Amino acid sequence: MIEPYKQNSIALALDEIAKLRLSEAIKTLKGDRSQKAFAKVLNVGQATVQMWESCSGGTPTLDNLEKIAKMRGELPEQFVAYLFGRSINTGQSMEEVIDSMTGKELVGTLQQLADKLQKLER
């Protein structure tokens, strides 16, 4: 018998390269925050962030993939494509993506942009 769809029960099978990309994305978004503080932003446990960051297992739920994608200024589809080394054109402009973000998501995106600019300056 096929299990009924459960919102958070679907998980991606990430290969090692995708896990490394996830880890890097988490580290970048986390910035100088502790794992515990970043976990609070995503509404997950600190151990979950630690697993993602260390590539030791666990895959974000669809809800968490969406949160991470929005923090990166992307649609979930774009983030999943990034994890697998692909890119997609959603037809959405950056302005449309920004307009769809909550204040909290926008702050996270701005933090990521600031972190990226600091790395480019080095």
PDB file of N, CA and C in Angstrom:
ATOM      1  N   MET A   1       0.836  -1.180   0.000  1.00  0.00           N
ATOM      2  CA  MET A   1       0.000   0.000   0.000  1.00  0.00           C
ATOM      3  C   MET A   1       0.885   1.250   0.000  1.00  0.00           C
ATOM      4  N   ILE A   2       0.552   2.220  -0.805  1.00  0.00           N
ATOM      5  CA  ILE A   2       1.320   3.459  -0.893  1.00  0.00           C
ATOM      6  C   ILE A   2       0.919   4.375   0.252  1.00  0.00           C
ATOM      7  N   GLU A   3       1.946   4.905   0.910  1.00  0.00           N
ATOM      8  CA  GLU A   3       1.707   5.826   2.013  1.00  0.00           C
ATOM      9  C   GLU A   3       1.099   7.117   1.484  1.00  0.00           C
ATOM     10  N   PRO A   4       0.144   7.685   2.205  1.00  0.00           N
ATOM     11  CA  PRO A   4      -0.383   8.986   1.785  1.00  0.00           C
ATOM     12  C   PRO A   4       0.701  10.045   1.898  1.00  0.00           C
ATOM     13  N   TYR A   5       0.578  11.069   1.100  1.00  0.00           N
ATOM     14  CA  TYR A   5       1.549  12.165   1.098  1.00  0.00           C
ATOM     15  C   TYR A   5       1.555  12.863   2.447  1.00  0.00           C
ATOM     16  N   LYS A   6       2.729  13.051   2.983  1.00  0.00           N
ATOM     17  CA  LYS A   6       2.920  13.817   4.210  1.00  0.00           C
ATOM     18  C   LYS A   6       3.870  14.950   3.868  1.00  0.00           C
ATOM     19  N   GLN A   7       3.522  16.158   4.237  1.00  0.00           N
ATOM     20  CA  GLN A   7       4.258  17.339   3.794  1.00  0.00           C
ATOM     21  C   GLN A   7       5.751  17.266   4.039  1.00  0.00           C
ATOM     22  N   ASN A   8       6.182  16.817   5.186  1.00  0.00           N
ATOM     23  CA  ASN A   8       7.606  16.841   5.506  1.00  0.00           C
ATOM     24  C   ASN A   8       8.282  15.490   5.343  1.00  0.00           C
ATOM     25  N   SER A   9       7.617  14.523   4.760  1.00  0.00           N
ATOM     26  CA  SER A   9       8.193  13.184   4.710  1.00  0.00           C
ATOM     27  C   SER A   9       9.047  12.933   3.471  1.00  0.00           C
ATOM     28  N   ILE A  10       9.006  13.822   2.520  1.00  0.00           N
ATOM     29  CA  ILE A  10       9.777  13.620   1.299  1.00  0.00           C
ATOM     30  C   ILE A  10      11.186  14.150   1.521  1.00  0.00           C
ATOM     31  N   ALA A  11      12.169  13.338   1.187  1.00  0.00           N
ATOM     32  CA  ALA A  11      13.565  13.755   1.348  1.00  0.00           C
ATOM     33  C   ALA A  11      14.318  13.510   0.049  1.00  0.00           C
ATOM     34  N   LEU A  12      15.220  14.395  -0.249  1.00  0.00           N
ATOM     35  CA  LEU A  12      16.073  14.219  -1.417  1.00  0.00           C
ATOM     36  C   LEU A  12      17.195  13.255  -1.088  1.00  0.00           C
ATOM     37  N   ALA A  13      17.603  12.487  -2.059  1.00  0.00           N
ATOM     38  CA  ALA A  13      18.783  11.648  -1.893  1.00  0.00           C
ATOM     39  C   ALA A  13      19.972  12.460  -2.396  1.00  0.00           C
ATOM     40  N   LEU A  14      20.738  13.002  -1.472  1.00  0.00           N
ATOM     41  CA  LEU A  14      21.857  13.855  -1.843  1.00  0.00           C
ATOM     42  C   LEU A  14      23.138  13.050  -1.955  1.00  0.00           C
ATOM     43  N   ASP A  15      23.855  13.219  -3.067  1.00  0.00           N
ATOM     44  CA  ASP A  15      25.165  12.595  -3.184  1.00  0.00           C
ATOM     45  C   ASP A  15      26.174  13.454  -2.422  1.00  0.00           C
ATOM     46  N   GLU A  16      27.415  13.030  -2.411  1.00  0.00           N
ATOM     47  CA  GLU A  16      28.429  13.734  -1.616  1.00  0.00           C
ATOM     48  C   GLU A  16      28.634  15.180  -2.071  1.00  0.00           C
ATOM     49  N   ILE A  17      28.601  15.404  -3.377  1.00  0.00           N
ATOM     50  CA  ILE A  17      28.788  16.764  -3.889  1.00  0.00           C
ATOM     51  C   ILE A  17      27.617  17.650  -3.475  1.00  0.00           C
ATOM     52  N   ALA A  18      26.393  17.127  -3.558  1.00  0.00           N
ATOM     53  CA  ALA A  18      25.217  17.897  -3.138  1.00  0.00           C
ATOM     54  C   ALA A  18      25.271  18.190  -1.645  1.00  0.00           C
ATOM     55  N   LYS A  19      25.758  17.232  -0.848  1.00  0.00           N
ATOM     56  CA  LYS A  19      25.895  17.463   0.594  1.00  0.00           C
ATOM     57  C   LYS A  19      26.915  18.560   0.866  1.00  0.00           C
ATOM     58  N   LEU A  20      27.997  18.578   0.091  1.00  0.00           N
ATOM     59  CA  LEU A  20      28.998  19.634   0.247  1.00  0.00           C
ATOM     60  C   LEU A  20      28.420  21.001  -0.107  1.00  0.00           C
ATOM     61  N   ARG A  21      27.605  21.044  -1.170  1.00  0.00           N
ATOM     62  CA  ARG A  21      26.969  22.310  -1.548  1.00  0.00           C
ATOM     63  C   ARG A  21      25.988  22.769  -0.470  1.00  0.00           C
ATOM     64  N   LEU A  22      25.229  21.823   0.091  1.00  0.00           N
ATOM     65  CA  LEU A  22      24.313  22.155   1.180  1.00  0.00           C
ATOM     66  C   LEU A  22      25.102  22.696   2.373  1.00  0.00           C
ATOM     67  N   SER A  23      26.177  22.019   2.702  1.00  0.00           N
ATOM     68  CA  SER A  23      27.016  22.447   3.822  1.00  0.00           C
ATOM     69  C   SER A  23      27.527  23.868   3.613  1.00  0.00           C
ATOM     70  N   GLU A  24      28.019  24.141   2.432  1.00  0.00           N
ATOM     71  CA  GLU A  24      28.548  25.471   2.129  1.00  0.00           C
ATOM     72  C   GLU A  24      27.447  26.527   2.198  1.00  0.00           C
ATOM     73  N   ALA A  25      26.261  26.193   1.691  1.00  0.00           N
ATOM     74  CA  ALA A  25      25.139  27.131   1.745  1.00  0.00           C
ATOM     75  C   ALA A  25      24.759  27.427   3.195  1.00  0.00           C
ATOM     76  N   ILE A  26      24.728  26.394   4.027  1.00  0.00           N
ATOM     77  CA  ILE A  26      24.380  26.569   5.437  1.00  0.00           C
ATOM     78  C   ILE A  26      25.432  27.442   6.122  1.00  0.00           C
ATOM     79  N   LYS A  27      26.708  27.145   5.879  1.00  0.00           N
ATOM     80  CA  LYS A  27      27.780  27.931   6.506  1.00  0.00           C
ATOM     81  C   LYS A  27      27.702  29.396   6.090  1.00  0.00           C
ATOM     82  N   THR A  28      27.427  29.635   4.821  1.00  0.00           N
ATOM     83  CA  THR A  28      27.340  31.007   4.320  1.00  0.00           C
ATOM     84  C   THR A  28      26.156  31.736   4.949  1.00  0.00           C
ATOM     85  N   LEU A  29      25.004  31.080   4.973  1.00  0.00           N
ATOM     86  CA  LEU A  29      23.819  31.713   5.547  1.00  0.00           C
ATOM     87  C   LEU A  29      23.954  31.929   7.048  1.00  0.00           C
ATOM     88  N   LYS A  30      24.595  30.981   7.704  1.00  0.00           N
ATOM     89  CA  LYS A  30      24.775  31.055   9.159  1.00  0.00           C
ATOM     90  C   LYS A  30      25.687  32.220   9.519  1.00  0.00           C
ATOM     91  N   GLY A  31      26.686  32.459   8.684  1.00  0.00           N
ATOM     92  CA  GLY A  31      27.613  33.549   8.942  1.00  0.00           C
ATOM     93  C   GLY A  31      28.296  33.386  10.288  1.00  0.00           C
ATOM     94  N   ASP A  32      28.293  34.429  11.074  1.00  0.00           N
ATOM     95  CA  ASP A  32      28.940  34.426  12.391  1.00  0.00           C
ATOM     96  C   ASP A  32      28.030  33.898  13.499  1.00  0.00           C
ATOM     97  N   ARG A  33      26.798  33.579  13.150  1.00  0.00           N
ATOM     98  CA  ARG A  33      25.875  33.069  14.169  1.00  0.00           C
ATOM     99  C   ARG A  33      26.275  31.664  14.606  1.00  0.00           C
ATOM    100  N   SER A  34      25.906  31.316  15.799  1.00  0.00           N
ATOM    101  CA  SER A  34      26.133  29.949  16.277  1.00  0.00           C
ATOM    102  C   SER A  34      25.150  29.010  15.576  1.00  0.00           C
ATOM    103  N   GLN A  35      25.460  27.721  15.614  1.00  0.00           N
ATOM    104  CA  GLN A  35      24.531  26.740  15.052  1.00  0.00           C
ATOM    105  C   GLN A  35      23.182  26.831  15.749  1.00  0.00           C
ATOM    106  N   LYS A  36      23.221  27.040  17.051  1.00  0.00           N
ATOM    107  CA  LYS A  36      21.982  27.130  17.833  1.00  0.00           C
ATOM    108  C   LYS A  36      21.139  28.323  17.391  1.00  0.00           C
ATOM    109  N   ALA A  37      21.784  29.477  17.209  1.00  0.00           N
ATOM    110  CA  ALA A  37      21.063  30.679  16.784  1.00  0.00           C
ATOM    111  C   ALA A  37      20.489  30.506  15.382  1.00  0.00           C
ATOM    112  N   PHE A  38      21.273  29.915  14.494  1.00  0.00           N
ATOM    113  CA  PHE A  38      20.802  29.699  13.124  1.00  0.00           C
ATOM    114  C   PHE A  38      19.676  28.665  13.108  1.00  0.00           C
ATOM    115  N   ALA A  39      19.791  27.644  13.924  1.00  0.00           N
ATOM    116  CA  ALA A  39      18.745  26.624  14.014  1.00  0.00           C
ATOM    117  C   ALA A  39      17.419  27.255  14.429  1.00  0.00           C
ATOM    118  N   LYS A  40      17.505  28.225  15.314  1.00  0.00           N
ATOM    119  CA  LYS A  40      16.298  28.913  15.789  1.00  0.00           C
ATOM    120  C   LYS A  40      15.619  29.649  14.632  1.00  0.00           C
ATOM    121  N   VAL A  41      16.419  30.260  13.763  1.00  0.00           N
ATOM    122  CA  VAL A  41      15.882  30.965  12.593  1.00  0.00           C
ATOM    123  C   VAL A  41      15.099  29.999  11.702  1.00  0.00           C
ATOM    124  N   LEU A  42      15.639  28.794  11.520  1.00  0.00           N
ATOM    125  CA  LEU A  42      14.999  27.796  10.663  1.00  0.00           C
ATOM    126  C   LEU A  42      13.947  26.970  11.395  1.00  0.00           C
ATOM    127  N   ASN A  43      13.874  27.143  12.714  1.00  0.00           N
ATOM    128  CA  ASN A  43      12.952  26.371  13.546  1.00  0.00           C
ATOM    129  C   ASN A  43      13.270  24.875  13.486  1.00  0.00           C
ATOM    130  N   VAL A  44      14.568  24.562  13.603  1.00  0.00           N
ATOM    131  CA  VAL A  44      15.042  23.177  13.688  1.00  0.00           C
ATOM    132  C   VAL A  44      15.977  23.079  14.890  1.00  0.00           C
ATOM    133  N   GLY A  45      16.381  21.879  15.226  1.00  0.00           N
ATOM    134  CA  GLY A  45      17.316  21.698  16.318  1.00  0.00           C
ATOM    135  C   GLY A  45      18.744  22.001  15.901  1.00  0.00           C
ATOM    136  N   GLN A  46      19.562  22.337  16.880  1.00  0.00           N
ATOM    137  CA  GLN A  46      20.972  22.622  16.619  1.00  0.00           C
ATOM    138  C   GLN A  46      21.666  21.412  16.008  1.00  0.00           C
ATOM    139  N   ALA A  47      21.286  20.211  16.434  1.00  0.00           N
ATOM    140  CA  ALA A  47      21.894  18.993  15.888  1.00  0.00           C
ATOM    141  C   ALA A  47      21.608  18.848  14.395  1.00  0.00           C
ATOM    142  N   THR A  48      20.457  19.328  13.964  1.00  0.00           N
ATOM    143  CA  THR A  48      20.104  19.269  12.542  1.00  0.00           C
ATOM    144  C   THR A  48      21.038  20.159  11.731  1.00  0.00           C
ATOM    145  N   VAL A  49      21.257  21.384  12.207  1.00  0.00           N
ATOM    146  CA  VAL A  49      22.179  22.296  11.517  1.00  0.00           C
ATOM    147  C   VAL A  49      23.581  21.697  11.512  1.00  0.00           C
ATOM    148  N   GLN A  50      23.983  21.099  12.611  1.00  0.00           N
ATOM    149  CA  GLN A  50      25.305  20.474  12.691  1.00  0.00           C
ATOM    150  C   GLN A  50      25.442  19.363  11.642  1.00  0.00           C
ATOM    151  N   MET A  51      24.401  18.538  11.483  1.00  0.00           N
ATOM    152  CA  MET A  51      24.446  17.462  10.476  1.00  0.00           C
ATOM    153  C   MET A  51      24.590  18.027   9.073  1.00  0.00           C
ATOM    154  N   TRP A  52      23.790  19.051   8.763  1.00  0.00           N
ATOM    155  CA  TRP A  52      23.860  19.647   7.426  1.00  0.00           C
ATOM    156  C   TRP A  52      25.226  20.271   7.191  1.00  0.00           C
ATOM    157  N   GLU A  53      25.733  20.957   8.195  1.00  0.00           N
ATOM    158  CA  GLU A  53      26.998  21.675   8.053  1.00  0.00           C
ATOM    159  C   GLU A  53      28.185  20.714   7.920  1.00  0.00           C
ATOM    160  N   SER A  54      28.114  19.578   8.591  1.00  0.00           N
ATOM    161  CA  SER A  54      29.229  18.632   8.590  1.00  0.00           C
ATOM    162  C   SER A  54      29.085  17.538   7.539  1.00  0.00           C
ATOM    163  N   CYS A  55      28.015  17.584   6.740  1.00  0.00           N
ATOM    164  CA  CYS A  55      27.761  16.576   5.698  1.00  0.00           C
ATOM    165  C   CYS A  55      27.594  15.170   6.283  1.00  0.00           C
ATOM    166  N   SER A  56      27.175  15.092   7.540  1.00  0.00           N
ATOM    167  CA  SER A  56      27.115  13.775   8.185  1.00  0.00           C
ATOM    168  C   SER A  56      25.771  13.087   8.064  1.00  0.00           C
ATOM    169  N   GLY A  57      24.888  13.627   7.299  1.00  0.00           N
ATOM    170  CA  GLY A  57      23.601  12.963   7.102  1.00  0.00           C
ATOM    171  C   GLY A  57      22.458  13.927   7.223  1.00  0.00           C
ATOM    172  N   GLY A  58      21.290  13.405   7.029  1.00  0.00           N
ATOM    173  CA  GLY A  58      20.093  14.227   7.119  1.00  0.00           C
ATOM    174  C   GLY A  58      19.942  15.142   5.928  1.00  0.00           C
ATOM    175  N   THR A  59      18.736  15.259   5.478  1.00  0.00           N
ATOM    176  CA  THR A  59      18.408  16.127   4.359  1.00  0.00           C
ATOM    177  C   THR A  59      17.296  17.058   4.809  1.00  0.00           C
ATOM    178  N   PRO A  60      17.374  18.324   4.458  1.00  0.00           N
ATOM    179  CA  PRO A  60      16.304  19.234   4.855  1.00  0.00           C
ATOM    180  C   PRO A  60      14.948  18.787   4.304  1.00  0.00           C
ATOM    181  N   THR A  61      13.914  19.021   5.084  1.00  0.00           N
ATOM    182  CA  THR A  61      12.556  18.770   4.604  1.00  0.00           C
ATOM    183  C   THR A  61      12.237  19.772   3.505  1.00  0.00           C
ATOM    184  N   LEU A  62      11.136  19.569   2.835  1.00  0.00           N
ATOM    185  CA  LEU A  62      10.726  20.525   1.808  1.00  0.00           C
ATOM    186  C   LEU A  62      10.523  21.917   2.396  1.00  0.00           C
ATOM    187  N   ASP A  63       9.927  21.972   3.581  1.00  0.00           N
ATOM    188  CA  ASP A  63       9.744  23.271   4.236  1.00  0.00           C
ATOM    189  C   ASP A  63      11.084  23.949   4.498  1.00  0.00           C
ATOM    190  N   ASN A  64      12.062  23.181   4.975  1.00  0.00           N
ATOM    191  CA  ASN A  64      13.369  23.763   5.263  1.00  0.00           C
ATOM    192  C   ASN A  64      14.129  24.121   4.001  1.00  0.00           C
ATOM    193  N   LEU A  65      13.985  23.324   2.948  1.00  0.00           N
ATOM    194  CA  LEU A  65      14.600  23.688   1.669  1.00  0.00           C
ATOM    195  C   LEU A  65      14.050  25.029   1.189  1.00  0.00           C
ATOM    196  N   GLU A  66      12.756  25.212   1.382  1.00  0.00           N
ATOM    197  CA  GLU A  66      12.136  26.471   0.980  1.00  0.00           C
ATOM    198  C   GLU A  66      12.673  27.642   1.810  1.00  0.00           C
ATOM    199  N   LYS A  67      12.808  27.454   3.118  1.00  0.00           N
ATOM    200  CA  LYS A  67      13.346  28.508   3.988  1.00  0.00           C
ATOM    201  C   LYS A  67      14.781  28.857   3.589  1.00  0.00           C
ATOM    202  N   ILE A  68      15.592  27.833   3.360  1.00  0.00           N
ATOM    203  CA  ILE A  68      16.993  28.053   2.979  1.00  0.00           C
ATOM    204  C   ILE A  68      17.057  28.780   1.640  1.00  0.00           C
ATOM    205  N   ALA A  69      16.235  28.336   0.691  1.00  0.00           N
ATOM    206  CA  ALA A  69      16.207  28.971  -0.632  1.00  0.00           C
ATOM    207  C   ALA A  69      15.837  30.446  -0.519  1.00  0.00           C
ATOM    208  N   LYS A  70      14.820  30.751   0.258  1.00  0.00           N
ATOM    209  CA  LYS A  70      14.392  32.147   0.401  1.00  0.00           C
ATOM    210  C   LYS A  70      15.490  32.984   1.051  1.00  0.00           C
ATOM    211  N   MET A  71      16.187  32.410   2.012  1.00  0.00           N
ATOM    212  CA  MET A  71      17.296  33.130   2.639  1.00  0.00           C
ATOM    213  C   MET A  71      18.398  33.427   1.631  1.00  0.00           C
ATOM    214  N   ARG A  72      18.522  32.566   0.631  1.00  0.00           N
ATOM    215  CA  ARG A  72      19.526  32.762  -0.432  1.00  0.00           C
ATOM    216  C   ARG A  72      19.000  33.662  -1.547  1.00  0.00           C
ATOM    217  N   GLY A  73      17.718  34.058  -1.456  1.00  0.00           N
ATOM    218  CA  GLY A  73      17.128  34.882  -2.511  1.00  0.00           C
ATOM    219  C   GLY A  73      16.736  34.070  -3.722  1.00  0.00           C
ATOM    220  N   GLU A  74      16.430  32.792  -3.499  1.00  0.00           N
ATOM    221  CA  GLU A  74      16.097  31.886  -4.591  1.00  0.00           C
ATOM    222  C   GLU A  74      14.733  31.250  -4.348  1.00  0.00           C
ATOM    223  N   LEU A  75      14.207  30.671  -5.401  1.00  0.00           N
ATOM    224  CA  LEU A  75      13.056  29.802  -5.278  1.00  0.00           C
ATOM    225  C   LEU A  75      13.554  28.415  -4.872  1.00  0.00           C
ATOM    226  N   PRO A  76      12.720  27.617  -4.223  1.00  0.00           N
ATOM    227  CA  PRO A  76      13.159  26.271  -3.830  1.00  0.00           C
ATOM    228  C   PRO A  76      13.703  25.465  -5.009  1.00  0.00           C
ATOM    229  N   GLU A  77      13.075  25.617  -6.167  1.00  0.00           N
ATOM    230  CA  GLU A  77      13.515  24.876  -7.357  1.00  0.00           C
ATOM    231  C   GLU A  77      14.937  25.258  -7.751  1.00  0.00           C
ATOM    232  N   GLN A  78      15.261  26.538  -7.602  1.00  0.00           N
ATOM    233  CA  GLN A  78      16.604  26.996  -7.933  1.00  0.00           C
ATOM    234  C   GLN A  78      17.629  26.434  -6.955  1.00  0.00           C
ATOM    235  N   PHE A  79      17.267  26.392  -5.681  1.00  0.00           N
ATOM    236  CA  PHE A  79      18.191  25.871  -4.680  1.00  0.00           C
ATOM    237  C   PHE A  79      18.436  24.381  -4.883  1.00  0.00           C
ATOM    238  N   VAL A  80      17.393  23.626  -5.153  1.00  0.00           N
ATOM    239  CA  VAL A  80      17.555  22.186  -5.404  1.00  0.00           C
ATOM    240  C   VAL A  80      18.418  21.981  -6.645  1.00  0.00           C
ATOM    241  N   ALA A  81      18.185  22.784  -7.685  1.00  0.00           N
ATOM    242  CA  ALA A  81      19.015  22.679  -8.893  1.00  0.00           C
ATOM    243  C   ALA A  81      20.471  22.974  -8.548  1.00  0.00           C
ATOM    244  N   TYR A  82      20.718  23.988  -7.721  1.00  0.00           N
ATOM    245  CA  TYR A  82      22.078  24.318  -7.290  1.00  0.00           C
ATOM    246  C   TYR A  82      22.726  23.128  -6.572  1.00  0.00           C
ATOM    247  N   LEU A  83      21.972  22.498  -5.663  1.00  0.00           N
ATOM    248  CA  LEU A  83      22.527  21.355  -4.921  1.00  0.00           C
ATOM    249  C   LEU A  83      23.015  20.263  -5.863  1.00  0.00           C
ATOM    250  N   PHE A  84      22.322  20.086  -6.982  1.00  0.00           N
ATOM    251  CA  PHE A  84      22.676  19.037  -7.931  1.00  0.00           C
ATOM    252  C   PHE A  84      23.519  19.547  -9.099  1.00  0.00           C
ATOM    253  N   GLY A  85      24.057  20.774  -8.953  1.00  0.00           N
ATOM    254  CA  GLY A  85      24.978  21.297  -9.954  1.00  0.00           C
ATOM    255  C   GLY A  85      24.314  21.739 -11.240  1.00  0.00           C
ATOM    256  N   ARG A  86      23.075  22.112 -11.146  1.00  0.00           N
ATOM    257  CA  ARG A  86      22.337  22.567 -12.323  1.00  0.00           C
ATOM    258  C   ARG A  86      21.822  23.967 -12.060  1.00  0.00           C
ATOM    259  N   SER A  87      21.292  24.589 -13.071  1.00  0.00           N
ATOM    260  CA  SER A  87      20.646  25.881 -12.884  1.00  0.00           C
ATOM    261  C   SER A  87      19.358  25.888 -13.684  1.00  0.00           C
ATOM    262  N   ILE A  88      18.424  26.673 -13.217  1.00  0.00           N
ATOM    263  CA  ILE A  88      17.162  26.805 -13.944  1.00  0.00           C
ATOM    264  C   ILE A  88      16.796  28.272 -14.007  1.00  0.00           C
ATOM    265  N   ASN A  89      16.090  28.628 -15.044  1.00  0.00           N
ATOM    266  CA  ASN A  89      15.595  29.984 -15.191  1.00  0.00           C
ATOM    267  C   ASN A  89      14.102  29.941 -14.889  1.00  0.00           C
ATOM    268  N   THR A  90      13.713  30.596 -13.833  1.00  0.00           N
ATOM    269  CA  THR A  90      12.316  30.560 -13.410  1.00  0.00           C
ATOM    270  C   THR A  90      11.476  31.617 -14.097  1.00  0.00           C
ATOM    271  N   GLY A  91      12.132  32.545 -14.768  1.00  0.00           N
ATOM    272  CA  GLY A  91      11.396  33.613 -15.404  1.00  0.00           C
ATOM    273  C   GLY A  91      11.026  34.727 -14.432  1.00  0.00           C
ATOM    274  N   GLN A  92      11.336  34.522 -13.156  1.00  0.00           N
ATOM    275  CA  GLN A  92      11.043  35.546 -12.156  1.00  0.00           C
ATOM    276  C   GLN A  92      12.230  36.485 -12.055  1.00  0.00           C
ATOM    277  N   SER A  93      11.937  37.760 -12.012  1.00  0.00           N
ATOM    278  CA  SER A  93      13.005  38.729 -11.830  1.00  0.00           C
ATOM    279  C   SER A  93      13.412  38.753 -10.363  1.00  0.00           C
ATOM    280  N   MET A  94      14.587  39.289 -10.093  1.00  0.00           N
ATOM    281  CA  MET A  94      15.050  39.426  -8.718  1.00  0.00           C
ATOM    282  C   MET A  94      14.072  40.296  -7.932  1.00  0.00           C
ATOM    283  N   GLU A  95      13.533  41.318  -8.575  1.00  0.00           N
ATOM    284  CA  GLU A  95      12.562  42.191  -7.910  1.00  0.00           C
ATOM    285  C   GLU A  95      11.328  41.398  -7.467  1.00  0.00           C
ATOM    286  N   GLU A  96      10.858  40.489  -8.299  1.00  0.00           N
ATOM    287  CA  GLU A  96       9.698  39.663  -7.937  1.00  0.00           C
ATOM    288  C   GLU A  96      10.022  38.733  -6.776  1.00  0.00           C
ATOM    289  N   VAL A  97      11.229  38.167  -6.790  1.00  0.00           N
ATOM    290  CA  VAL A  97      11.645  37.295  -5.691  1.00  0.00           C
ATOM    291  C   VAL A  97      11.711  38.101  -4.401  1.00  0.00           C
ATOM    292  N   ILE A  98      12.309  39.282  -4.451  1.00  0.00           N
ATOM    293  CA  ILE A  98      12.434  40.129  -3.262  1.00  0.00           C
ATOM    294  C   ILE A  98      11.058  40.532  -2.742  1.00  0.00           C
ATOM    295  N   ASP A  99      10.172  40.896  -3.647  1.00  0.00           N
ATOM    296  CA  ASP A  99       8.822  41.293  -3.236  1.00  0.00           C
ATOM    297  C   ASP A  99       8.071  40.173  -2.531  1.00  0.00           C
ATOM    298  N   SER A 100       8.404  38.934  -2.837  1.00  0.00           N
ATOM    299  CA  SER A 100       7.702  37.803  -2.230  1.00  0.00           C
ATOM    300  C   SER A 100       8.270  37.422  -0.861  1.00  0.00           C
ATOM    301  N   MET A 101       9.375  38.039  -0.453  1.00  0.00           N
ATOM    302  CA  MET A 101      10.039  37.682   0.803  1.00  0.00           C
ATOM    303  C   MET A 101       9.418  38.393   1.994  1.00  0.00           C
ATOM    304  N   THR A 102       9.467  37.700   3.135  1.00  0.00           N
ATOM    305  CA  THR A 102       9.080  38.341   4.389  1.00  0.00           C
ATOM    306  C   THR A 102      10.245  39.214   4.846  1.00  0.00           C
ATOM    307  N   GLY A 103      10.001  40.047   5.834  1.00  0.00           N
ATOM    308  CA  GLY A 103      11.067  40.892   6.367  1.00  0.00           C
ATOM    309  C   GLY A 103      12.232  40.070   6.890  1.00  0.00           C
ATOM    310  N   LYS A 104      11.922  39.005   7.592  1.00  0.00           N
ATOM    311  CA  LYS A 104      12.955  38.133   8.166  1.00  0.00           C
ATOM    312  C   LYS A 104      13.790  37.476   7.057  1.00  0.00           C
ATOM    313  N   GLU A 105      13.121  37.027   6.000  1.00  0.00           N
ATOM    314  CA  GLU A 105      13.833  36.418   4.882  1.00  0.00           C
ATOM    315  C   GLU A 105      14.708  37.441   4.164  1.00  0.00           C
ATOM    316  N   LEU A 106      14.207  38.657   4.048  1.00  0.00           N
ATOM    317  CA  LEU A 106      14.970  39.719   3.404  1.00  0.00           C
ATOM    318  C   LEU A 106      16.223  40.051   4.202  1.00  0.00           C
ATOM    319  N   VAL A 107      16.100  40.098   5.526  1.00  0.00           N
ATOM    320  CA  VAL A 107      17.257  40.346   6.388  1.00  0.00           C
ATOM    321  C   VAL A 107      18.307  39.249   6.187  1.00  0.00           C
ATOM    322  N   GLY A 108      17.867  37.988   6.126  1.00  0.00           N
ATOM    323  CA  GLY A 108      18.792  36.879   5.897  1.00  0.00           C
ATOM    324  C   GLY A 108      19.502  37.000   4.565  1.00  0.00           C
ATOM    325  N   THR A 109      18.770  37.392   3.538  1.00  0.00           N
ATOM    326  CA  THR A 109      19.349  37.568   2.206  1.00  0.00           C
ATOM    327  C   THR A 109      20.359  38.715   2.202  1.00  0.00           C
ATOM    328  N   LEU A 110      20.010  39.811   2.868  1.00  0.00           N
ATOM    329  CA  LEU A 110      20.941  40.944   2.950  1.00  0.00           C
ATOM    330  C   LEU A 110      22.214  40.556   3.692  1.00  0.00           C
ATOM    331  N   GLN A 111      22.066  39.749   4.740  1.00  0.00           N
ATOM    332  CA  GLN A 111      23.233  39.283   5.482  1.00  0.00           C
ATOM    333  C   GLN A 111      24.134  38.436   4.582  1.00  0.00           C
ATOM    334  N   GLN A 112      23.493  37.568   3.786  1.00  0.00           N
ATOM    335  CA  GLN A 112      24.273  36.729   2.878  1.00  0.00           C
ATOM    336  C   GLN A 112      25.006  37.582   1.848  1.00  0.00           C
ATOM    337  N   LEU A 113      24.334  38.592   1.320  1.00  0.00           N
ATOM    338  CA  LEU A 113      24.989  39.484   0.357  1.00  0.00           C
ATOM    339  C   LEU A 113      26.161  40.223   0.996  1.00  0.00           C
ATOM    340  N   ALA A 114      25.980  40.686   2.220  1.00  0.00           N
ATOM    341  CA  ALA A 114      27.065  41.375   2.927  1.00  0.00           C
ATOM    342  C   ALA A 114      28.248  40.444   3.135  1.00  0.00           C
ATOM    343  N   ASP A 115      27.972  39.200   3.533  1.00  0.00           N
ATOM    344  CA  ASP A 115      29.044  38.210   3.728  1.00  0.00           C
ATOM    345  C   ASP A 115      29.790  37.958   2.428  1.00  0.00           C
ATOM    346  N   LYS A 116      29.042  37.831   1.335  1.00  0.00           N
ATOM    347  CA  LYS A 116      29.663  37.570   0.033  1.00  0.00           C
ATOM    348  C   LYS A 116      30.534  38.753  -0.393  1.00  0.00           C
ATOM    349  N   LEU A 117      30.046  39.969  -0.181  1.00  0.00           N
ATOM    350  CA  LEU A 117      30.830  41.155  -0.525  1.00  0.00           C
ATOM    351  C   LEU A 117      32.114  41.233   0.297  1.00  0.00           C
ATOM    352  N   GLN A 118      32.039  40.867   1.571  1.00  0.00           N
ATOM    353  CA  GLN A 118      33.239  40.869   2.410  1.00  0.00           C
ATOM    354  C   GLN A 118      34.260  39.858   1.890  1.00  0.00           C
ATOM    355  N   LYS A 119      33.809  38.698   1.453  1.00  0.00           N
ATOM    356  CA  LYS A 119      34.722  37.686   0.905  1.00  0.00           C
ATOM    357  C   LYS A 119      35.354  38.164  -0.378  1.00  0.00           C
ATOM    358  N   LEU A 120      34.598  38.882  -1.211  1.00  0.00           N
ATOM    359  CA  LEU A 120      35.141  39.390  -2.476  1.00  0.00           C
ATOM    360  C   LEU A 120      36.195  40.450  -2.250  1.00  0.00           C
ATOM    361  N   GLU A 121      36.053  41.202  -1.153  1.00  0.00           N
ATOM    362  CA  GLU A 121      37.003  42.276  -0.849  1.00  0.00           C
ATOM    363  C   GLU A 121      38.340  41.734  -0.346  1.00  0.00           C
ATOM    364  N   ARG A 122      38.361  40.503   0.127  1.00  0.00           N
ATOM    365  CA  ARG A 122      39.596  39.932   0.698  1.00  0.00           C
ATOM    366  C   ARG A 122      40.584  39.580  -0.348  1.00  0.00           C
TER     367      ARG A 122
END
